[in-house]
C-alpha atoms as a PDB file:
ATOM      1  CA  MET A   1       3.193  25.020 137.444  1.00  0.00           C
ATOM      2  CA  ASP A   2       4.861  24.240 134.113  1.00  0.00           C
ATOM      3  CA  ASN A   3       3.565  20.683 134.376  1.00  0.00           C
ATOM      4  CA  LEU A   4       0.018  21.971 134.903  1.00  0.00           C
ATOM      5  CA  LYS A   5       0.408  24.328 131.933  1.00  0.00           C
ATOM      6  CA  GLN A   6       1.392  21.357 129.761  1.00  0.00           C
ATOM      7  CA  ILE A   7      -1.661  19.425 130.947  1.00  0.00           C
ATOM      8  CA  LEU A   8      -3.891  22.405 130.178  1.00  0.00           C
ATOM      9  CA  ASP A   9      -2.308  22.631 126.738  1.00  0.00           C
ATOM     10  CA  ASN A  10      -3.282  18.980 126.179  1.00  0.00           C
ATOM     11  CA  PHE A  11      -6.883  20.015 126.892  1.00  0.00           C
ATOM     12  CA  SER A  12      -6.695  22.745 124.214  1.00  0.00           C
ATOM     13  CA  PHE A  13      -6.309  25.691 126.591  1.00  0.00           C
ATOM     14  CA  SER A  14      -4.737  28.723 124.970  1.00  0.00           C
ATOM     15  CA  GLU A  15      -1.768  30.314 126.732  1.00  0.00           C
ATOM     16  CA  GLN A  16      -4.009  33.150 127.932  1.00  0.00           C
ATOM     17  CA  GLU A  17      -6.640  30.723 129.220  1.00  0.00           C
ATOM     18  CA  SER A  18      -3.948  28.815 131.104  1.00  0.00           C
ATOM     19  CA  ASP A  19      -2.644  32.042 132.638  1.00  0.00           C
ATOM     20  CA  ILE A  20      -6.151  33.068 133.718  1.00  0.00           C
ATOM     21  CA  TYR A  21      -6.898  29.633 135.179  1.00  0.00           C
ATOM     22  CA  LEU A  22      -3.620  29.464 137.114  1.00  0.00           C
ATOM     23  CA  ALA A  23      -4.086  33.017 138.402  1.00  0.00           C
ATOM     24  CA  SER A  24      -7.599  32.095 139.548  1.00  0.00           C
ATOM     25  CA  LEU A  25      -6.312  29.007 141.331  1.00  0.00           C
ATOM     26  CA  LYS A  26      -3.767  31.099 143.234  1.00  0.00           C
ATOM     27  CA  LEU A  27      -6.225  33.854 144.125  1.00  0.00           C
ATOM     28  CA  GLY A  28      -9.251  31.788 145.086  1.00  0.00           C
ATOM     29  CA  LYS A  29     -12.395  33.942 144.902  1.00  0.00           C
ATOM     30  CA  ALA A  30     -11.464  37.097 142.984  1.00  0.00           C
ATOM     31  CA  GLY A  31     -12.834  39.689 140.614  1.00  0.00           C
ATOM     32  CA  ALA A  32     -11.815  39.956 136.971  1.00  0.00           C
ATOM     33  CA  LYS A  33      -9.579  42.949 137.687  1.00  0.00           C
ATOM     34  CA  GLU A  34      -7.531  41.011 140.249  1.00  0.00           C
ATOM     35  CA  ILE A  35      -7.318  37.970 137.983  1.00  0.00           C
ATOM     36  CA  ALA A  36      -6.158  40.147 135.075  1.00  0.00           C
ATOM     37  CA  ARG A  37      -3.477  41.749 137.241  1.00  0.00           C
ATOM     38  CA  LYS A  38      -2.246  38.356 138.507  1.00  0.00           C
ATOM     39  CA  ALA A  39      -2.212  36.939 134.945  1.00  0.00           C
ATOM     40  CA  ASP A  40      -0.398  40.062 133.711  1.00  0.00           C
ATOM     41  CA  MET A  41      -2.878  40.972 130.979  1.00  0.00           C
ATOM     42  CA  SER A  42      -5.323  43.746 130.252  1.00  0.00           C
ATOM     43  CA  ARG A  43      -8.704  43.666 131.934  1.00  0.00           C
ATOM     44  CA  THR A  44     -10.465  43.547 128.545  1.00  0.00           C
ATOM     45  CA  SER A  45      -8.496  40.476 127.454  1.00  0.00           C
ATOM     46  CA  ALA A  46      -9.022  38.850 130.826  1.00  0.00           C
ATOM     47  CA  TYR A  47     -12.813  39.297 130.615  1.00  0.00           C
ATOM     48  CA  PHE A  48     -12.834  37.613 127.199  1.00  0.00           C
ATOM     49  CA  HIS A  49     -10.870  34.588 128.414  1.00  0.00           C
ATOM     50  CA  ILE A  50     -12.701  34.412 131.752  1.00  0.00           C
ATOM     51  CA  GLU A  51     -16.035  34.151 129.924  1.00  0.00           C
ATOM     52  CA  LYS A  52     -14.650  31.378 127.717  1.00  0.00           C
ATOM     53  CA  LEU A  53     -13.492  29.472 130.807  1.00  0.00           C
ATOM     54  CA  VAL A  54     -16.861  29.981 132.522  1.00  0.00           C
ATOM     55  CA  ASP A  55     -18.566  28.586 129.404  1.00  0.00           C
ATOM     56  CA  ARG A  56     -16.236  25.566 129.499  1.00  0.00           C
ATOM     57  CA  GLY A  57     -17.086  24.994 133.167  1.00  0.00           C
ATOM     58  CA  VAL A  58     -13.532  25.565 134.394  1.00  0.00           C
ATOM     59  CA  LEU A  59     -14.279  28.802 136.251  1.00  0.00           C
ATOM     60  CA  ARG A  60     -17.363  29.424 138.338  1.00  0.00           C
ATOM     61  CA  GLU A  61     -19.067  32.815 138.348  1.00  0.00           C
ATOM     62  CA  ILE A  62     -20.375  34.113 141.682  1.00  0.00           C
ATOM     63  CA  LYS A  63     -22.571  37.193 141.476  1.00  0.00           C
ATOM     64  CA  GLY A  64     -22.423  39.393 144.529  1.00  0.00           C
ATOM     65  CA  GLU A  65     -24.560  42.423 145.251  1.00  0.00           C
ATOM     66  CA  ASP A  66     -22.046  44.864 143.834  1.00  0.00           C
ATOM     67  CA  LYS A  67     -19.410  42.713 142.114  1.00  0.00           C
ATOM     68  CA  THR A  68     -18.993  39.476 140.204  1.00  0.00           C
ATOM     69  CA  TYR A  69     -16.361  37.062 141.442  1.00  0.00           C
ATOM     70  CA  PHE A  70     -14.795  34.044 139.815  1.00  0.00           C
ATOM     71  CA  THR A  71     -13.266  30.940 141.290  1.00  0.00           C
ATOM     72  CA  ALA A  72     -11.368  28.121 139.576  1.00  0.00           C
ATOM     73  CA  LYS A  73     -12.501  24.544 139.840  1.00  0.00           C
ATOM     74  CA  PRO A  74      -9.674  22.334 141.175  1.00  0.00           C
ATOM     75  CA  PRO A  75      -7.483  20.684 138.518  1.00  0.00           C
ATOM     76  CA  GLU A  76      -8.489  17.211 139.641  1.00  0.00           C
ATOM     77  CA  ASN A  77     -12.097  17.956 138.620  1.00  0.00           C
END
């Protein structure tokens, strides 16, 4: 994972964005609360970085009936 973090750093990912992305990769389809817990950060901070990653096209937002989920695009994309 350290190698992937270095690659993400080369693409101007912040440390928090890298943590969110890697947590999302591990979790698959997950809500912001689960991603925040896996990335070991507050839910408020996670939402901020998740939205930035969605805007960059790295995370995909999936709106369910009662909850919004996020999934990471594979690193090779």
